[in-house]
Amino acid sequence: MSSGVLAAPPVETKSKLFKFNASTKPDLPSVKGDHFKVYQATADSFKFCHHPCLIDYRGKLFAMWSNGKIHEDAEGQRLLISDSTDGERWCKPRALFEGGDDKIFVAAGLSVVS
């Protein structure tokens, strides 16, 4: 049941944030973070990764993404998933759906039902 009190928004945008032109540069603070590799393409592997989705569920992080052979949304694109308990060490990515010559799978988020 709602108490009728609105919480402050988690993110506030500046008035010119979404007005992009040559004279407008968003004035946003830098966010510090760490980078950890979940997938590394090679010369003979799927090279294009996009549509990332990251979810925290029951103490695990799950990363899912579209993975194309050469470029975005082409035949053969598959969906990969990996998981981690600490966000630093990730299991070997595995295919949720394998693309075929006539198939293109696109990561569009995860639904969690508990």
PDB file of N, CA and C in Angstrom:
ATOM      1  N   MET A   1       0.848  -1.177   0.000  1.00  0.00           N
ATOM      2  CA  MET A   1       0.000   0.000   0.000  1.00  0.00           C
ATOM      3  C   MET A   1       0.890   1.236   0.000  1.00  0.00           C
ATOM      4  N   SER A   2       0.623   2.146  -0.853  1.00  0.00           N
ATOM      5  CA  SER A   2       1.410   3.368  -0.965  1.00  0.00           C
ATOM      6  C   SER A   2       1.003   4.360   0.114  1.00  0.00           C
ATOM      7  N   SER A   3       2.007   5.054   0.664  1.00  0.00           N
ATOM      8  CA  SER A   3       1.734   6.066   1.689  1.00  0.00           C
ATOM      9  C   SER A   3       1.402   7.419   1.064  1.00  0.00           C
ATOM     10  N   GLY A   4       1.506   7.518  -0.245  1.00  0.00           N
ATOM     11  CA  GLY A   4       1.235   8.770  -0.921  1.00  0.00           C
ATOM     12  C   GLY A   4       2.432   9.700  -0.974  1.00  0.00           C
ATOM     13  N   VAL A   5       3.547   9.309  -0.354  1.00  0.00           N
ATOM     14  CA  VAL A   5       4.758  10.120  -0.357  1.00  0.00           C
ATOM     15  C   VAL A   5       5.635   9.662  -1.510  1.00  0.00           C
ATOM     16  N   LEU A   6       6.034  10.594  -2.348  1.00  0.00           N
ATOM     17  CA  LEU A   6       6.896  10.257  -3.470  1.00  0.00           C
ATOM     18  C   LEU A   6       8.354  10.343  -3.057  1.00  0.00           C
ATOM     19  N   ALA A   7       9.110   9.332  -3.412  1.00  0.00           N
ATOM     20  CA  ALA A   7      10.545   9.334  -3.133  1.00  0.00           C
ATOM     21  C   ALA A   7      11.253  10.182  -4.177  1.00  0.00           C
ATOM     22  N   ALA A   8      12.420  10.673  -3.824  1.00  0.00           N
ATOM     23  CA  ALA A   8      13.226  11.427  -4.778  1.00  0.00           C
ATOM     24  C   ALA A   8      13.623  10.498  -5.921  1.00  0.00           C
ATOM     25  N   PRO A   9      13.674  11.005  -7.148  1.00  0.00           N
ATOM     26  CA  PRO A   9      14.066  10.140  -8.265  1.00  0.00           C
ATOM     27  C   PRO A   9      15.512   9.668  -8.090  1.00  0.00           C
ATOM     28  N   PRO A  10      15.804   8.436  -8.505  1.00  0.00           N
ATOM     29  CA  PRO A  10      17.163   7.922  -8.355  1.00  0.00           C
ATOM     30  C   PRO A  10      18.174   8.635  -9.254  1.00  0.00           C
ATOM     31  N   VAL A  11      17.690   9.217 -10.346  1.00  0.00           N
ATOM     32  CA  VAL A  11      18.562   9.918 -11.289  1.00  0.00           C
ATOM     33  C   VAL A  11      17.874  11.216 -11.684  1.00  0.00           C
ATOM     34  N   GLU A  12      18.628  12.289 -11.683  1.00  0.00           N
ATOM     35  CA  GLU A  12      18.093  13.561 -12.147  1.00  0.00           C
ATOM     36  C   GLU A  12      18.824  13.945 -13.423  1.00  0.00           C
ATOM     37  N   THR A  13      18.091  14.467 -14.397  1.00  0.00           N
ATOM     38  CA  THR A  13      18.721  14.879 -15.646  1.00  0.00           C
ATOM     39  C   THR A  13      18.806  16.394 -15.707  1.00  0.00           C
ATOM     40  N   LYS A  14      19.799  16.867 -16.405  1.00  0.00           N
ATOM     41  CA  LYS A  14      19.975  18.306 -16.590  1.00  0.00           C
ATOM     42  C   LYS A  14      19.151  18.741 -17.798  1.00  0.00           C
ATOM     43  N   SER A  15      18.785  19.996 -17.844  1.00  0.00           N
ATOM     44  CA  SER A  15      17.864  20.484 -18.873  1.00  0.00           C
ATOM     45  C   SER A  15      18.380  20.285 -20.299  1.00  0.00           C
ATOM     46  N   LYS A  16      19.676  20.332 -20.533  1.00  0.00           N
ATOM     47  CA  LYS A  16      20.211  20.189 -21.888  1.00  0.00           C
ATOM     48  C   LYS A  16      20.748  18.786 -22.170  1.00  0.00           C
ATOM     49  N   LEU A  17      20.485  17.860 -21.291  1.00  0.00           N
ATOM     50  CA  LEU A  17      21.075  16.529 -21.426  1.00  0.00           C
ATOM     51  C   LEU A  17      20.737  15.861 -22.751  1.00  0.00           C
ATOM     52  N   PHE A  18      19.506  15.976 -23.214  1.00  0.00           N
ATOM     53  CA  PHE A  18      19.099  15.260 -24.415  1.00  0.00           C
ATOM     54  C   PHE A  18      18.942  16.156 -25.637  1.00  0.00           C
ATOM     55  N   LYS A  19      19.534  17.341 -25.613  1.00  0.00           N
ATOM     56  CA  LYS A  19      19.531  18.236 -26.767  1.00  0.00           C
ATOM     57  C   LYS A  19      20.932  18.227 -27.357  1.00  0.00           C
ATOM     58  N   PHE A  20      21.182  17.252 -28.205  1.00  0.00           N
ATOM     59  CA  PHE A  20      22.530  17.078 -28.737  1.00  0.00           C
ATOM     60  C   PHE A  20      22.725  17.877 -30.017  1.00  0.00           C
ATOM     61  N   ASN A  21      23.732  18.721 -30.012  1.00  0.00           N
ATOM     62  CA  ASN A  21      24.198  19.403 -31.212  1.00  0.00           C
ATOM     63  C   ASN A  21      25.647  19.790 -30.957  1.00  0.00           C
ATOM     64  N   ALA A  22      26.243  20.480 -31.888  1.00  0.00           N
ATOM     65  CA  ALA A  22      27.672  20.783 -31.783  1.00  0.00           C
ATOM     66  C   ALA A  22      28.008  21.644 -30.569  1.00  0.00           C
ATOM     67  N   SER A  23      27.075  22.466 -30.104  1.00  0.00           N
ATOM     68  CA  SER A  23      27.389  23.361 -28.989  1.00  0.00           C
ATOM     69  C   SER A  23      26.936  22.825 -27.626  1.00  0.00           C
ATOM     70  N   THR A  24      26.329  21.672 -27.591  1.00  0.00           N
ATOM     71  CA  THR A  24      25.823  21.128 -26.333  1.00  0.00           C
ATOM     72  C   THR A  24      26.624  19.902 -25.923  1.00  0.00           C
ATOM     73  N   LYS A  25      27.165  19.959 -24.743  1.00  0.00           N
ATOM     74  CA  LYS A  25      27.863  18.803 -24.184  1.00  0.00           C
ATOM     75  C   LYS A  25      27.255  18.530 -22.814  1.00  0.00           C
ATOM     76  N   PRO A  26      26.726  17.331 -22.587  1.00  0.00           N
ATOM     77  CA  PRO A  26      26.130  17.057 -21.275  1.00  0.00           C
ATOM     78  C   PRO A  26      27.132  17.275 -20.148  1.00  0.00           C
ATOM     79  N   ASP A  27      26.697  17.938 -19.101  1.00  0.00           N
ATOM     80  CA  ASP A  27      27.535  18.202 -17.934  1.00  0.00           C
ATOM     81  C   ASP A  27      27.234  17.134 -16.885  1.00  0.00           C
ATOM     82  N   LEU A  28      27.876  15.996 -17.029  1.00  0.00           N
ATOM     83  CA  LEU A  28      27.623  14.874 -16.134  1.00  0.00           C
ATOM     84  C   LEU A  28      28.873  14.524 -15.342  1.00  0.00           C
ATOM     85  N   PRO A  29      28.704  14.113 -14.103  1.00  0.00           N
ATOM     86  CA  PRO A  29      29.875  13.700 -13.320  1.00  0.00           C
ATOM     87  C   PRO A  29      30.394  12.348 -13.807  1.00  0.00           C
ATOM     88  N   SER A  30      31.677  12.120 -13.632  1.00  0.00           N
ATOM     89  CA  SER A  30      32.263  10.819 -13.964  1.00  0.00           C
ATOM     90  C   SER A  30      31.931   9.831 -12.860  1.00  0.00           C
ATOM     91  N   VAL A  31      31.708   8.611 -13.255  1.00  0.00           N
ATOM     92  CA  VAL A  31      31.428   7.550 -12.295  1.00  0.00           C
ATOM     93  C   VAL A  31      32.606   6.587 -12.321  1.00  0.00           C
ATOM     94  N   LYS A  32      33.217   6.373 -11.165  1.00  0.00           N
ATOM     95  CA  LYS A  32      34.353   5.461 -11.098  1.00  0.00           C
ATOM     96  C   LYS A  32      33.841   4.029 -11.064  1.00  0.00           C
ATOM     97  N   GLY A  33      34.619   3.141 -11.636  1.00  0.00           N
ATOM     98  CA  GLY A  33      34.222   1.735 -11.651  1.00  0.00           C
ATOM     99  C   GLY A  33      35.384   0.844 -12.031  1.00  0.00           C
ATOM    100  N   ASP A  34      35.142  -0.428 -12.004  1.00  0.00           N
ATOM    101  CA  ASP A  34      36.128  -1.427 -12.397  1.00  0.00           C
ATOM    102  C   ASP A  34      35.607  -2.165 -13.619  1.00  0.00           C
ATOM    103  N   HIS A  35      36.525  -2.656 -14.438  1.00  0.00           N
ATOM    104  CA  HIS A  35      36.166  -3.394 -15.644  1.00  0.00           C
ATOM    105  C   HIS A  35      36.616  -4.840 -15.496  1.00  0.00           C
ATOM    106  N   PHE A  36      35.721  -5.764 -15.809  1.00  0.00           N
ATOM    107  CA  PHE A  36      36.031  -7.191 -15.787  1.00  0.00           C
ATOM    108  C   PHE A  36      35.481  -7.804 -17.064  1.00  0.00           C
ATOM    109  N   LYS A  37      36.300  -8.622 -17.715  1.00  0.00           N
ATOM    110  CA  LYS A  37      35.898  -9.247 -18.967  1.00  0.00           C
ATOM    111  C   LYS A  37      34.997 -10.438 -18.718  1.00  0.00           C
ATOM    112  N   VAL A  38      33.911 -10.478 -19.483  1.00  0.00           N
ATOM    113  CA  VAL A  38      32.998 -11.611 -19.428  1.00  0.00           C
ATOM    114  C   VAL A  38      33.193 -12.473 -20.673  1.00  0.00           C
ATOM    115  N   TYR A  39      33.532 -11.841 -21.796  1.00  0.00           N
ATOM    116  CA  TYR A  39      33.695 -12.545 -23.077  1.00  0.00           C
ATOM    117  C   TYR A  39      34.804 -11.873 -23.861  1.00  0.00           C
ATOM    118  N   GLN A  40      35.634 -12.655 -24.517  1.00  0.00           N
ATOM    119  CA  GLN A  40      36.696 -12.106 -25.362  1.00  0.00           C
ATOM    120  C   GLN A  40      36.602 -12.744 -26.741  1.00  0.00           C
ATOM    121  N   ALA A  41      36.322 -11.941 -27.740  1.00  0.00           N
ATOM    122  CA  ALA A  41      36.274 -12.447 -29.113  1.00  0.00           C
ATOM    123  C   ALA A  41      37.686 -12.754 -29.599  1.00  0.00           C
ATOM    124  N   THR A  42      37.777 -13.680 -30.528  1.00  0.00           N
ATOM    125  CA  THR A  42      39.047 -14.010 -31.173  1.00  0.00           C
ATOM    126  C   THR A  42      38.843 -13.932 -32.684  1.00  0.00           C
ATOM    127  N   ALA A  43      39.914 -14.105 -33.434  1.00  0.00           N
ATOM    128  CA  ALA A  43      39.838 -14.008 -34.893  1.00  0.00           C
ATOM    129  C   ALA A  43      38.862 -15.017 -35.494  1.00  0.00           C
ATOM    130  N   ASP A  44      38.702 -16.166 -34.843  1.00  0.00           N
ATOM    131  CA  ASP A  44      37.825 -17.200 -35.404  1.00  0.00           C
ATOM    132  C   ASP A  44      36.544 -17.409 -34.589  1.00  0.00           C
ATOM    133  N   SER A  45      36.168 -16.421 -33.779  1.00  0.00           N
ATOM    134  CA  SER A  45      34.942 -16.556 -32.981  1.00  0.00           C
ATOM    135  C   SER A  45      33.934 -15.480 -33.371  1.00  0.00           C
ATOM    136  N   PHE A  46      32.797 -15.500 -32.706  1.00  0.00           N
ATOM    137  CA  PHE A  46      31.805 -14.445 -32.882  1.00  0.00           C
ATOM    138  C   PHE A  46      32.432 -13.153 -32.356  1.00  0.00           C
ATOM    139  N   LYS A  47      32.350 -12.091 -33.141  1.00  0.00           N
ATOM    140  CA  LYS A  47      33.108 -10.876 -32.825  1.00  0.00           C
ATOM    141  C   LYS A  47      32.266  -9.716 -32.287  1.00  0.00           C
ATOM    142  N   PHE A  48      30.974  -9.706 -32.536  1.00  0.00           N
ATOM    143  CA  PHE A  48      30.169  -8.535 -32.212  1.00  0.00           C
ATOM    144  C   PHE A  48      29.286  -8.803 -31.002  1.00  0.00           C
ATOM    145  N   CYS A  49      29.441  -8.005 -29.959  1.00  0.00           N
ATOM    146  CA  CYS A  49      28.638  -8.141 -28.735  1.00  0.00           C
ATOM    147  C   CYS A  49      27.823  -6.863 -28.533  1.00  0.00           C
ATOM    148  N   HIS A  50      26.525  -7.017 -28.323  1.00  0.00           N
ATOM    149  CA  HIS A  50      25.667  -5.854 -28.091  1.00  0.00           C
ATOM    150  C   HIS A  50      24.386  -6.284 -27.387  1.00  0.00           C
ATOM    151  N   HIS A  51      23.494  -5.349 -27.113  1.00  0.00           N
ATOM    152  CA  HIS A  51      22.259  -5.561 -26.350  1.00  0.00           C
ATOM    153  C   HIS A  51      22.562  -6.149 -24.968  1.00  0.00           C
ATOM    154  N   PRO A  52      23.459  -5.547 -24.187  1.00  0.00           N
ATOM    155  CA  PRO A  52      23.794  -6.132 -22.882  1.00  0.00           C
ATOM    156  C   PRO A  52      22.641  -6.034 -21.884  1.00  0.00           C
ATOM    157  N   CYS A  53      22.569  -7.011 -21.035  1.00  0.00           N
ATOM    158  CA  CYS A  53      21.571  -7.046 -19.965  1.00  0.00           C
ATOM    159  C   CYS A  53      22.264  -7.615 -18.734  1.00  0.00           C
ATOM    160  N   LEU A  54      22.163  -6.930 -17.615  1.00  0.00           N
ATOM    161  CA  LEU A  54      22.779  -7.387 -16.368  1.00  0.00           C
ATOM    162  C   LEU A  54      21.710  -7.407 -15.288  1.00  0.00           C
ATOM    163  N   ILE A  55      21.622  -8.512 -14.574  1.00  0.00           N
ATOM    164  CA  ILE A  55      20.611  -8.644 -13.533  1.00  0.00           C
ATOM    165  C   ILE A  55      21.210  -9.322 -12.311  1.00  0.00           C
ATOM    166  N   ASP A  56      20.772  -8.882 -11.146  1.00  0.00           N
ATOM    167  CA  ASP A  56      21.162  -9.488  -9.868  1.00  0.00           C
ATOM    168  C   ASP A  56      19.974 -10.311  -9.399  1.00  0.00           C
ATOM    169  N   TYR A  57      20.172 -11.612  -9.249  1.00  0.00           N
ATOM    170  CA  TYR A  57      19.075 -12.490  -8.853  1.00  0.00           C
ATOM    171  C   TYR A  57      19.579 -13.551  -7.894  1.00  0.00           C
ATOM    172  N   ARG A  58      19.019 -13.547  -6.692  1.00  0.00           N
ATOM    173  CA  ARG A  58      19.331 -14.527  -5.656  1.00  0.00           C
ATOM    174  C   ARG A  58      20.836 -14.669  -5.407  1.00  0.00           C
ATOM    175  N   GLY A  59      21.497 -13.527  -5.273  1.00  0.00           N
ATOM    176  CA  GLY A  59      22.911 -13.523  -4.920  1.00  0.00           C
ATOM    177  C   GLY A  59      23.867 -13.782  -6.067  1.00  0.00           C
ATOM    178  N   LYS A  60      23.359 -13.824  -7.292  1.00  0.00           N
ATOM    179  CA  LYS A  60      24.212 -14.017  -8.462  1.00  0.00           C
ATOM    180  C   LYS A  60      23.955 -12.906  -9.461  1.00  0.00           C
ATOM    181  N   LEU A  61      25.001 -12.553 -10.189  1.00  0.00           N
ATOM    182  CA  LEU A  61      24.853 -11.635 -11.313  1.00  0.00           C
ATOM    183  C   LEU A  61      24.753 -12.467 -12.583  1.00  0.00           C
ATOM    184  N   PHE A  62      23.831 -12.089 -13.445  1.00  0.00           N
ATOM    185  CA  PHE A  62      23.685 -12.743 -14.740  1.00  0.00           C
ATOM    186  C   PHE A  62      23.877 -11.689 -15.817  1.00  0.00           C
ATOM    187  N   ALA A  63      24.737 -11.979 -16.780  1.00  0.00           N
ATOM    188  CA  ALA A  63      24.945 -11.098 -17.926  1.00  0.00           C
ATOM    189  C   ALA A  63      24.469 -11.847 -19.166  1.00  0.00           C
ATOM    190  N   MET A  64      23.663 -11.190 -19.978  1.00  0.00           N
ATOM    191  CA  MET A  64      23.178 -11.774 -21.226  1.00  0.00           C
ATOM    192  C   MET A  64      23.406 -10.746 -22.324  1.00  0.00           C
ATOM    193  N   TRP A  65      23.737 -11.210 -23.520  1.00  0.00           N
ATOM    194  CA  TRP A  65      23.963 -10.286 -24.620  1.00  0.00           C
ATOM    195  C   TRP A  65      23.793 -10.992 -25.953  1.00  0.00           C
ATOM    196  N   SER A  66      23.559 -10.179 -26.996  1.00  0.00           N
ATOM    197  CA  SER A  66      23.523 -10.681 -28.365  1.00  0.00           C
ATOM    198  C   SER A  66      24.960 -10.812 -28.836  1.00  0.00           C
ATOM    199  N   ASN A  67      25.231 -11.853 -29.617  1.00  0.00           N
ATOM    200  CA  ASN A  67      26.600 -12.143 -30.037  1.00  0.00           C
ATOM    201  C   ASN A  67      26.587 -12.518 -31.514  1.00  0.00           C
ATOM    202  N   GLY A  68      27.033 -11.570 -32.354  1.00  0.00           N
ATOM    203  CA  GLY A  68      27.019 -11.774 -33.800  1.00  0.00           C
ATOM    204  C   GLY A  68      28.362 -12.224 -34.340  1.00  0.00           C
ATOM    205  N   LYS A  69      28.321 -12.904 -35.486  1.00  0.00           N
ATOM    206  CA  LYS A  69      29.556 -13.404 -36.104  1.00  0.00           C
ATOM    207  C   LYS A  69      30.468 -12.253 -36.525  1.00  0.00           C
ATOM    208  N   ILE A  70      29.892 -11.253 -37.171  1.00  0.00           N
ATOM    209  CA  ILE A  70      30.712 -10.154 -37.679  1.00  0.00           C
ATOM    210  C   ILE A  70      30.156  -8.798 -37.258  1.00  0.00           C
ATOM    211  N   HIS A  71      28.848  -8.617 -37.385  1.00  0.00           N
ATOM    212  CA  HIS A  71      28.265  -7.312 -37.069  1.00  0.00           C
ATOM    213  C   HIS A  71      26.878  -7.477 -36.466  1.00  0.00           C
ATOM    214  N   GLU A  72      26.230  -6.367 -36.241  1.00  0.00           N
ATOM    215  CA  GLU A  72      24.968  -6.311 -35.511  1.00  0.00           C
ATOM    216  C   GLU A  72      23.799  -6.935 -36.267  1.00  0.00           C
ATOM    217  N   ASP A  73      23.036  -7.760 -35.545  1.00  0.00           N
ATOM    218  CA  ASP A  73      21.759  -8.303 -36.010  1.00  0.00           C
ATOM    219  C   ASP A  73      21.820  -8.959 -37.388  1.00  0.00           C
ATOM    220  N   ALA A  74      22.828  -9.767 -37.617  1.00  0.00           N
ATOM    221  CA  ALA A  74      22.953 -10.510 -38.874  1.00  0.00           C
ATOM    222  C   ALA A  74      22.598 -11.975 -38.633  1.00  0.00           C
ATOM    223  N   GLU A  75      22.309 -12.697 -39.719  1.00  0.00           N
ATOM    224  CA  GLU A  75      21.994 -14.121 -39.599  1.00  0.00           C
ATOM    225  C   GLU A  75      23.079 -14.835 -38.813  1.00  0.00           C
ATOM    226  N   GLY A  76      22.642 -15.759 -37.976  1.00  0.00           N
ATOM    227  CA  GLY A  76      23.590 -16.520 -37.161  1.00  0.00           C
ATOM    228  C   GLY A  76      23.821 -15.934 -35.782  1.00  0.00           C
ATOM    229  N   GLN A  77      23.286 -14.734 -35.530  1.00  0.00           N
ATOM    230  CA  GLN A  77      23.472 -14.114 -34.212  1.00  0.00           C
ATOM    231  C   GLN A  77      22.849 -14.992 -33.129  1.00  0.00           C
ATOM    232  N   ARG A  78      23.561 -15.137 -32.028  1.00  0.00           N
ATOM    233  CA  ARG A  78      23.107 -15.983 -30.925  1.00  0.00           C
ATOM    234  C   ARG A  78      22.970 -15.156 -29.655  1.00  0.00           C
ATOM    235  N   LEU A  79      22.439 -15.778 -28.606  1.00  0.00           N
ATOM    236  CA  LEU A  79      22.363 -15.156 -27.287  1.00  0.00           C
ATOM    237  C   LEU A  79      23.287 -15.908 -26.354  1.00  0.00           C
ATOM    238  N   LEU A  80      24.128 -15.167 -25.634  1.00  0.00           N
ATOM    239  CA  LEU A  80      25.018 -15.773 -24.648  1.00  0.00           C
ATOM    240  C   LEU A  80      24.624 -15.319 -23.255  1.00  0.00           C
ATOM    241  N   ILE A  81      24.962 -16.149 -22.267  1.00  0.00           N
ATOM    242  CA  ILE A  81      24.726 -15.814 -20.866  1.00  0.00           C
ATOM    243  C   ILE A  81      25.922 -16.278 -20.051  1.00  0.00           C
ATOM    244  N   SER A  82      26.234 -15.531 -19.019  1.00  0.00           N
ATOM    245  CA  SER A  82      27.296 -15.892 -18.081  1.00  0.00           C
ATOM    246  C   SER A  82      26.823 -15.470 -16.696  1.00  0.00           C
ATOM    247  N   ASP A  83      27.407 -16.067 -15.666  1.00  0.00           N
ATOM    248  CA  ASP A  83      27.023 -15.675 -14.311  1.00  0.00           C
ATOM    249  C   ASP A  83      28.247 -15.556 -13.421  1.00  0.00           C
ATOM    250  N   SER A  84      28.060 -14.817 -12.322  1.00  0.00           N
ATOM    251  CA  SER A  84      29.143 -14.544 -11.387  1.00  0.00           C
ATOM    252  C   SER A  84      28.556 -14.326  -9.996  1.00  0.00           C
ATOM    253  N   THR A  85      29.294 -14.728  -8.982  1.00  0.00           N
ATOM    254  CA  THR A  85      28.853 -14.461  -7.608  1.00  0.00           C
ATOM    255  C   THR A  85      29.492 -13.196  -7.048  1.00  0.00           C
ATOM    256  N   ASP A  86      30.535 -12.673  -7.725  1.00  0.00           N
ATOM    257  CA  ASP A  86      31.219 -11.490  -7.197  1.00  0.00           C
ATOM    258  C   ASP A  86      31.390 -10.354  -8.212  1.00  0.00           C
ATOM    259  N   GLY A  87      31.004 -10.560  -9.464  1.00  0.00           N
ATOM    260  CA  GLY A  87      31.145  -9.528 -10.488  1.00  0.00           C
ATOM    261  C   GLY A  87      32.540  -9.416 -11.067  1.00  0.00           C
ATOM    262  N   GLU A  88      33.487 -10.186 -10.554  1.00  0.00           N
ATOM    263  CA  GLU A  88      34.860 -10.169 -11.058  1.00  0.00           C
ATOM    264  C   GLU A  88      35.184 -11.429 -11.853  1.00  0.00           C
ATOM    265  N   ARG A  89      34.819 -12.558 -11.314  1.00  0.00           N
ATOM    266  CA  ARG A  89      35.089 -13.841 -11.972  1.00  0.00           C
ATOM    267  C   ARG A  89      33.782 -14.365 -12.563  1.00  0.00           C
ATOM    268  N   TRP A  90      33.790 -14.575 -13.876  1.00  0.00           N
ATOM    269  CA  TRP A  90      32.592 -14.990 -14.599  1.00  0.00           C
ATOM    270  C   TRP A  90      32.775 -16.394 -15.156  1.00  0.00           C
ATOM    271  N   CYS A  91      31.693 -17.159 -15.171  1.00  0.00           N
ATOM    272  CA  CYS A  91      31.766 -18.496 -15.761  1.00  0.00           C
ATOM    273  C   CYS A  91      31.904 -18.349 -17.279  1.00  0.00           C
ATOM    274  N   LYS A  92      32.341 -19.413 -17.921  1.00  0.00           N
ATOM    275  CA  LYS A  92      32.471 -19.406 -19.380  1.00  0.00           C
ATOM    276  C   LYS A  92      31.085 -19.155 -19.984  1.00  0.00           C
ATOM    277  N   PRO A  93      30.973 -18.176 -20.888  1.00  0.00           N
ATOM    278  CA  PRO A  93      29.669 -17.899 -21.495  1.00  0.00           C
ATOM    279  C   PRO A  93      29.119 -19.135 -22.209  1.00  0.00           C
ATOM    280  N   ARG A  94      27.805 -19.303 -22.104  1.00  0.00           N
ATOM    281  CA  ARG A  94      27.156 -20.417 -22.786  1.00  0.00           C
ATOM    282  C   ARG A  94      25.972 -19.873 -23.582  1.00  0.00           C
ATOM    283  N   ALA A  95      25.618 -20.594 -24.619  1.00  0.00           N
ATOM    284  CA  ALA A  95      24.547 -20.141 -25.510  1.00  0.00           C
ATOM    285  C   ALA A  95      23.179 -20.426 -24.903  1.00  0.00           C
ATOM    286  N   LEU A  96      22.343 -19.395 -24.843  1.00  0.00           N
ATOM    287  CA  LEU A  96      20.933 -19.592 -24.509  1.00  0.00           C
ATOM    288  C   LEU A  96      20.188 -20.047 -25.757  1.00  0.00           C
ATOM    289  N   PHE A  97      20.516 -19.414 -26.875  1.00  0.00           N
ATOM    290  CA  PHE A  97      19.953 -19.773 -28.174  1.00  0.00           C
ATOM    291  C   PHE A  97      21.060 -19.654 -29.206  1.00  0.00           C
ATOM    292  N   GLU A  98      21.228 -20.678 -30.011  1.00  0.00           N
ATOM    293  CA  GLU A  98      22.210 -20.659 -31.098  1.00  0.00           C
ATOM    294  C   GLU A  98      21.538 -20.118 -32.348  1.00  0.00           C
ATOM    295  N   GLY A  99      22.178 -19.181 -32.992  1.00  0.00           N
ATOM    296  CA  GLY A  99      21.652 -18.664 -34.246  1.00  0.00           C
ATOM    297  C   GLY A  99      21.953 -19.644 -35.365  1.00  0.00           C
ATOM    298  N   GLY A 100      21.147 -19.625 -36.387  1.00  0.00           N
ATOM    299  CA  GLY A 100      21.377 -20.450 -37.565  1.00  0.00           C
ATOM    300  C   GLY A 100      21.477 -19.559 -38.779  1.00  0.00           C
ATOM    301  N   ASP A 101      21.607 -20.168 -39.949  1.00  0.00           N
ATOM    302  CA  ASP A 101      21.728 -19.372 -41.169  1.00  0.00           C
ATOM    303  C   ASP A 101      20.509 -18.491 -41.412  1.00  0.00           C
ATOM    304  N   ASP A 102      19.365 -18.903 -40.886  1.00  0.00           N
ATOM    305  CA  ASP A 102      18.154 -18.116 -41.102  1.00  0.00           C
ATOM    306  C   ASP A 102      17.584 -17.551 -39.803  1.00  0.00           C
ATOM    307  N   LYS A 103      18.395 -17.536 -38.734  1.00  0.00           N
ATOM    308  CA  LYS A 103      17.904 -17.077 -37.432  1.00  0.00           C
ATOM    309  C   LYS A 103      18.762 -15.944 -36.878  1.00  0.00           C
ATOM    310  N   ILE A 104      18.099 -14.997 -36.214  1.00  0.00           N
ATOM    311  CA  ILE A 104      18.776 -13.915 -35.506  1.00  0.00           C
ATOM    312  C   ILE A 104      18.109 -13.800 -34.141  1.00  0.00           C
ATOM    313  N   PHE A 105      18.850 -14.068 -33.080  1.00  0.00           N
ATOM    314  CA  PHE A 105      18.316 -13.917 -31.732  1.00  0.00           C
ATOM    315  C   PHE A 105      18.814 -12.602 -31.146  1.00  0.00           C
ATOM    316  N   VAL A 106      17.930 -11.870 -30.469  1.00  0.00           N
ATOM    317  CA  VAL A 106      18.260 -10.561 -29.908  1.00  0.00           C
ATOM    318  C   VAL A 106      17.969 -10.562 -28.411  1.00  0.00           C
ATOM    319  N   ALA A 107      18.962 -10.175 -27.612  1.00  0.00           N
ATOM    320  CA  ALA A 107      18.773 -10.047 -26.166  1.00  0.00           C
ATOM    321  C   ALA A 107      17.894  -8.832 -25.909  1.00  0.00           C
ATOM    322  N   ALA A 108      16.796  -9.052 -25.201  1.00  0.00           N
ATOM    323  CA  ALA A 108      15.868  -7.958 -24.935  1.00  0.00           C
ATOM    324  C   ALA A 108      15.484  -7.907 -23.460  1.00  0.00           C
ATOM    325  N   GLY A 109      16.413  -8.268 -22.590  1.00  0.00           N
ATOM    326  CA  GLY A 109      16.154  -8.220 -21.157  1.00  0.00           C
ATOM    327  C   GLY A 109      15.784  -9.575 -20.597  1.00  0.00           C
ATOM    328  N   LEU A 110      15.778  -9.651 -19.295  1.00  0.00           N
ATOM    329  CA  LEU A 110      15.434 -10.887 -18.594  1.00  0.00           C
ATOM    330  C   LEU A 110      14.210 -10.646 -17.728  1.00  0.00           C
ATOM    331  N   SER A 111      13.348 -11.620 -17.648  1.00  0.00           N
ATOM    332  CA  SER A 111      12.205 -11.569 -16.735  1.00  0.00           C
ATOM    333  C   SER A 111      12.506 -12.466 -15.552  1.00  0.00           C
ATOM    334  N   VAL A 112      12.261 -11.966 -14.367  1.00  0.00           N
ATOM    335  CA  VAL A 112      12.506 -12.750 -13.158  1.00  0.00           C
ATOM    336  C   VAL A 112      11.174 -12.982 -12.468  1.00  0.00           C
ATOM    337  N   VAL A 113      10.862 -14.243 -12.243  1.00  0.00           N
ATOM    338  CA  VAL A 113       9.636 -14.616 -11.551  1.00  0.00           C
ATOM    339  C   VAL A 113      10.038 -15.456 -10.362  1.00  0.00           C
ATOM    340  N   SER A 114       9.602 -15.057  -9.176  1.00  0.00           N
ATOM    341  CA  SER A 114       9.967 -15.854  -7.998  1.00  0.00           C
ATOM    342  C   SER A 114       8.737 -16.212  -7.202  1.00  0.00           C
TER     343      SER A 114
END
